[in-house]
């Protein structure tokens, strides 16, 4: 590919939503949603439960199709892709689910090794020593090297998410999606996970999308924020300007978060 074409590709958003609508049983979930994520950028999709945040992630991977509008990934329209083409996108864009979605029958280390073995099947010819070394490196990167031989049932929720992140990184993706990474964990583990995601952002430079209702997490991680209210984009812009949004619902959300933070301060 000529260098001028490569430069043009790099200038395009890695992910782009263009006037996306989605309903379930005539209930609107996404309404005229438009935003974009630049290469290497971390965008946080913020809002209360049930406003369409996780549905947004599923559109990026082609698990859901919009009723109207387009979703672009790597300069290509996901809404018009075949299953083979979507498989290629899902190799390049990985997702860390709330549950971790680990294989229950495999140890933590074997879960992380799974994408590496898949790469070997596709012809990358990784030796067993190389796979084990990479697994060790990834578990160390997410600060859970000691859980290598443990089964998922022996791991805390936070540890499962750390292992899931390591497994996602093993696929060597271009982008990573996080679905409510600090939900259902204690405040200390939530802080640990947020610090981990921040570290990975700085070290890997991966394009990232984080879905959350956690304002503190958004302030720590986001370059830009998509604030969803009842399926609509109430704010899209830098996290530094979110407090200046004139939207009453956004201001209410910020005030409620501040009250919650005060109530949890020792």
Protein backbone atom coordinates (compact mmCIF):
# COMPACT_ATOMS: atom_id res chain seq x y z
CA UNK A 1 0.00 0.00 0.00
CA UNK A 2 1.51 3.39 -1.00
CA UNK A 3 2.57 5.60 1.90
CA UNK A 4 0.13 8.39 1.00
CA UNK A 5 -2.78 5.91 1.26
CA UNK A 6 -1.50 4.69 4.63
CA UNK A 7 -1.37 8.27 5.90
CA UNK A 8 -4.91 8.91 4.67
CA UNK A 9 -6.13 5.75 6.44
CA UNK A 10 -4.47 6.86 9.69
CA UNK A 11 -6.26 10.22 9.50
CA UNK A 12 -9.68 8.55 9.36
CA UNK A 13 -11.50 7.74 12.61
CA UNK A 14 -10.91 4.16 13.69
CA UNK A 15 -14.57 3.90 14.79
CA UNK A 16 -17.40 6.10 13.56
CA UNK A 17 -21.15 6.09 14.29
CA UNK A 18 -23.24 8.02 11.79
CA UNK A 19 -26.89 8.72 12.72
CA UNK A 20 -27.47 5.27 14.24
CA UNK A 21 -30.95 4.20 15.36
CA UNK A 22 -31.76 0.93 17.13
CA UNK A 23 -35.00 -0.33 18.71
CA UNK A 24 -36.04 -3.56 20.39
CA UNK A 25 -39.75 -4.48 20.24
CA UNK A 26 -40.54 -0.90 19.18
CA UNK A 27 -38.63 0.48 22.19
CA UNK A 28 -35.99 2.98 20.99
CA UNK A 29 -32.56 2.29 22.50
CA UNK A 30 -30.28 4.36 20.27
CA UNK A 31 -31.64 7.52 18.66
CA UNK A 32 -29.58 9.36 16.03
CA UNK A 33 -26.27 8.47 17.68
CA UNK A 34 -23.18 9.97 16.03
CA UNK A 35 -19.60 10.07 17.35
CA UNK A 36 -16.12 8.97 16.35
CA UNK A 37 -13.01 7.48 17.93
CA UNK A 38 -9.62 8.41 16.52
CA UNK A 39 -6.74 5.93 16.34
CA UNK A 40 -5.01 5.70 19.71
CA UNK A 41 -7.80 7.61 21.45
CA UNK A 42 -9.75 6.45 24.50
CA UNK A 43 -13.42 7.40 24.36
CA UNK A 44 -15.72 6.73 27.30
CA UNK A 45 -19.42 6.07 26.66
CA UNK A 46 -21.01 7.40 29.83
CA UNK A 47 -24.53 7.38 31.23
CA UNK A 48 -27.02 5.70 33.52
CA UNK A 49 -28.03 2.06 33.19
CA UNK A 50 -30.33 1.28 30.27
CA UNK A 51 -29.39 4.20 28.02
CA UNK A 52 -27.82 2.06 25.27
CA UNK A 53 -24.15 1.99 26.29
CA UNK A 54 -23.54 -1.76 25.90
CA UNK A 55 -25.73 -1.85 22.79
CA UNK A 56 -23.31 0.67 21.29
CA UNK A 57 -20.37 -1.70 21.83
CA UNK A 58 -22.21 -4.59 20.18
CA UNK A 59 -22.74 -2.49 17.07
CA UNK A 60 -18.99 -1.92 16.77
CA UNK A 61 -18.37 -5.67 16.53
CA UNK A 62 -21.35 -6.35 14.29
CA UNK A 63 -23.19 -8.40 16.93
CA UNK A 64 -26.09 -6.00 16.39
CA UNK A 65 -27.12 -4.18 13.23
CA UNK A 66 -28.67 -0.68 13.32
CA UNK A 67 -32.17 -0.08 12.08
CA UNK A 68 -30.85 3.06 10.42
CA UNK A 69 -27.45 4.67 10.07
CA UNK A 70 -23.93 3.32 9.65
CA UNK A 71 -21.11 2.07 11.86
CA UNK A 72 -17.59 2.28 10.47
CA UNK A 73 -14.54 0.43 11.77
CA UNK A 74 -11.10 0.83 10.17
CA UNK A 75 -12.71 2.85 7.38
CA UNK A 76 -15.18 0.10 6.48
CA UNK A 77 -18.93 -0.05 6.99
CA UNK A 78 -19.60 -2.84 9.49
CA UNK A 79 -23.31 -2.79 8.69
CA UNK A 80 -22.61 -4.12 5.20
CA UNK A 81 -20.00 -6.77 6.05
CA UNK A 82 -20.24 -10.50 5.52
CA UNK A 83 -19.61 -12.89 8.44
CA UNK A 84 -16.11 -13.56 7.10
CA UNK A 85 -15.36 -9.85 7.04
CA UNK A 86 -16.80 -9.43 10.55
CA UNK A 87 -14.55 -12.24 11.79
CA UNK A 88 -11.56 -10.21 10.60
CA UNK A 89 -12.84 -7.12 12.46
CA UNK A 90 -13.33 -9.17 15.65
CA UNK A 91 -9.71 -10.32 15.47
CA UNK A 92 -8.57 -6.70 15.32
CA UNK A 93 -11.07 -5.33 17.87
CA UNK A 94 -11.45 -7.31 21.10
CA UNK A 95 -13.94 -6.89 23.92
CA UNK A 96 -13.63 -7.32 27.68
CA UNK A 97 -17.06 -8.33 28.97
CA UNK A 98 -18.39 -7.57 32.47
CA UNK A 99 -18.24 -11.25 33.39
CA UNK A 100 -14.77 -11.70 31.94
CA UNK A 101 -16.22 -14.49 29.74
CA UNK A 102 -13.32 -16.82 30.58
CA UNK A 103 -13.39 -20.50 29.62
CA UNK A 104 -14.39 -22.26 32.85
CA UNK A 105 -12.51 -25.45 31.97
CA UNK A 106 -9.18 -23.68 31.40
CA UNK A 107 -6.80 -22.16 33.95
CA UNK A 108 -6.13 -18.44 33.88
CA UNK A 109 -2.87 -19.04 32.03
CA UNK A 110 -4.53 -21.34 29.50
CA UNK A 111 -7.24 -18.72 28.91
CA UNK A 112 -4.57 -16.15 28.02
CA UNK A 113 -2.75 -18.71 25.85
CA UNK A 114 -5.90 -19.49 23.85
CA UNK A 115 -5.63 -16.57 21.36
CA UNK A 116 -1.93 -17.30 20.97
CA UNK A 117 -2.66 -20.90 20.03
CA UNK A 118 -5.30 -19.66 17.57
CA UNK A 119 -2.64 -17.50 15.97
CA UNK A 120 -0.45 -20.58 15.60
CA UNK A 121 -3.31 -22.40 13.89
CA UNK A 122 -3.56 -19.49 11.45
CA UNK A 123 0.08 -20.04 10.53
CA UNK A 124 2.07 -17.71 12.80
CA UNK A 125 3.98 -20.75 14.13
CA UNK A 126 4.50 -19.69 17.72
CA UNK A 127 6.48 -22.27 19.67
CA UNK A 128 5.22 -23.52 23.01
CA UNK A 129 8.07 -21.69 24.75
CA UNK A 130 7.10 -18.45 23.00
CA UNK A 131 3.47 -18.90 24.00
CA UNK A 132 4.35 -19.53 27.65
CA UNK A 133 6.70 -16.55 27.72
CA UNK A 134 4.04 -14.27 26.24
CA UNK A 135 1.43 -15.51 28.72
CA UNK A 136 3.79 -14.76 31.61
CA UNK A 137 4.45 -11.28 30.21
CA UNK A 138 0.75 -10.49 29.81
CA UNK A 139 -0.25 -11.73 33.27
CA UNK A 140 2.59 -9.68 34.73
CA UNK A 141 1.45 -6.66 32.73
CA UNK A 142 -2.00 -6.83 34.35
CA UNK A 143 -0.48 -7.60 37.77
CA UNK A 144 -1.93 -11.11 38.26
CA UNK A 145 0.99 -13.36 37.36
CA UNK A 146 0.36 -15.43 40.50
CA UNK A 147 -3.01 -16.73 39.22
CA UNK A 148 -1.56 -18.65 36.24
CA UNK A 149 -2.63 -22.10 37.49
CA UNK A 150 -5.93 -21.05 39.07
CA UNK A 151 -9.32 -21.86 37.55
CA UNK A 152 -11.78 -19.02 36.86
CA UNK A 153 -13.98 -20.26 39.72
CA UNK A 154 -11.09 -19.55 42.09
CA UNK A 155 -10.70 -15.93 40.96
CA UNK A 156 -12.37 -12.80 42.28
CA UNK A 157 -14.43 -10.69 39.88
CA UNK A 158 -11.59 -8.18 39.60
CA UNK A 159 -9.01 -10.88 38.87
CA UNK A 160 -11.27 -12.39 36.20
CA UNK A 161 -11.41 -9.01 34.47
CA UNK A 162 -7.63 -8.62 34.68
CA UNK A 163 -7.16 -12.07 33.10
CA UNK A 164 -9.77 -11.21 30.46
CA UNK A 165 -7.82 -8.05 29.60
CA UNK A 166 -4.61 -10.11 29.31
CA UNK A 167 -6.40 -12.58 27.02
CA UNK A 168 -7.65 -9.71 24.85
CA UNK A 169 -4.13 -8.31 24.55
CA UNK A 170 -2.81 -11.76 23.55
CA UNK A 171 -4.73 -11.41 20.29
CA UNK A 172 -2.58 -8.32 19.52
CA UNK A 173 -5.64 -6.19 18.69
CA UNK A 174 -5.71 -2.71 17.23
CA UNK A 175 -8.56 -1.69 19.55
CA UNK A 176 -10.08 -2.90 22.80
CA UNK A 177 -13.60 -2.40 24.15
CA UNK A 178 -14.36 -2.46 27.89
CA UNK A 179 -17.93 -3.12 29.06
CA UNK A 180 -18.49 -1.67 32.56
CA UNK A 181 -15.03 -2.69 33.85
CA UNK A 182 -15.60 -1.47 37.45
CA UNK A 183 -19.15 -2.77 37.96
CA UNK A 184 -19.77 -5.25 40.82
CA UNK A 185 -16.33 -4.91 42.39
CA UNK A 186 -15.37 -3.23 45.67
CA UNK A 187 -13.95 0.34 45.56
CA UNK A 188 -10.35 -0.85 46.04
CA UNK A 189 -10.59 -3.31 43.15
CA UNK A 190 -12.35 -0.67 41.02
CA UNK A 191 -9.38 1.62 41.59
CA UNK A 192 -6.97 -1.21 40.73
CA UNK A 193 -8.78 -1.95 37.47
CA UNK A 194 -8.95 1.72 36.50
CA UNK A 195 -5.22 2.09 37.15
CA UNK A 196 -4.60 -1.02 35.05
CA UNK A 197 -6.60 0.33 32.10
CA UNK A 198 -4.80 3.66 32.39
CA UNK A 199 -1.42 1.90 32.40
CA UNK A 200 -2.36 -0.09 29.31
CA UNK A 201 -3.52 3.07 27.58
CA UNK A 202 -0.12 4.67 28.14
CA UNK A 203 1.93 1.57 27.33
CA UNK A 204 0.07 0.16 24.33
CA UNK A 205 -1.52 3.20 22.69
CA UNK A 206 -4.45 1.03 21.62
CA UNK A 207 -7.65 2.62 20.39
CA UNK A 208 -10.10 2.08 23.26
CA UNK A 209 -13.79 2.47 24.08
CA UNK A 210 -14.94 2.18 27.70
CA UNK A 211 -18.61 1.84 28.61
CA UNK A 212 -19.35 2.91 32.19
CA UNK A 213 -21.66 4.80 34.55
CA UNK A 214 -18.64 5.57 36.77
CA UNK A 215 -17.83 9.29 36.53
CA UNK A 216 -14.57 8.88 38.43
CA UNK A 217 -13.42 6.26 35.92
CA UNK A 218 -14.40 8.51 33.03
CA UNK A 219 -12.42 11.44 34.43
CA UNK A 220 -9.37 9.23 34.87
CA UNK A 221 -9.41 7.54 31.47
CA UNK A 222 -11.25 9.55 28.83
CA UNK A 223 -9.81 11.68 26.10
CA UNK A 224 -13.37 12.33 24.98
CA UNK A 225 -16.79 11.38 26.33
CA UNK A 226 -20.02 10.29 24.67
CA UNK A 227 -22.76 11.01 27.22
CA UNK A 228 -25.95 9.10 26.42
CA UNK A 229 -29.32 10.17 27.81
CA UNK A 230 -32.33 8.04 26.87
CA UNK A 231 -30.48 6.72 23.83
CA UNK A 232 -29.46 10.16 22.54
CA UNK A 233 -26.05 11.85 22.60
CA UNK A 234 -26.38 14.67 25.12
CA UNK A 235 -22.67 15.50 24.98
CA UNK A 236 -19.72 14.46 22.83
CA UNK A 237 -16.41 16.15 23.43
CA UNK A 238 -13.35 16.41 25.68
CA UNK A 239 -13.76 15.18 29.25
CA UNK A 240 -12.29 18.51 30.39
CA UNK A 241 -15.37 20.36 29.07
CA UNK A 242 -18.04 17.95 30.30
CA UNK A 243 -18.71 19.99 33.45
CA UNK A 244 -19.62 22.96 31.23
CA UNK A 245 -22.36 21.07 29.39
CA UNK A 246 -25.67 22.98 29.57
CA UNK A 247 -27.69 19.74 29.50
CA UNK A 248 -29.67 19.47 32.78
CA UNK A 249 -29.45 15.65 32.83
CA UNK A 250 -25.66 15.81 32.48
CA UNK A 251 -25.44 18.31 35.34
CA UNK A 252 -27.73 16.14 37.50
CA UNK A 253 -25.50 13.13 36.81
CA UNK A 254 -22.38 15.08 37.79
CA UNK A 255 -23.99 16.33 41.02
CA UNK A 256 -25.20 12.85 41.98
CA UNK A 257 -21.73 11.46 41.39
CA UNK A 258 -20.20 14.17 43.59
CA UNK A 259 -22.66 13.33 46.38
CA UNK A 260 -21.88 9.62 46.03
CA UNK A 261 -18.16 10.36 46.22
CA UNK A 262 -18.61 12.43 49.39
CA UNK A 263 -20.63 9.64 51.01
CA UNK A 264 -17.83 7.15 50.35
CA UNK A 265 -15.02 9.40 51.53
CA UNK A 266 -13.59 8.15 54.86
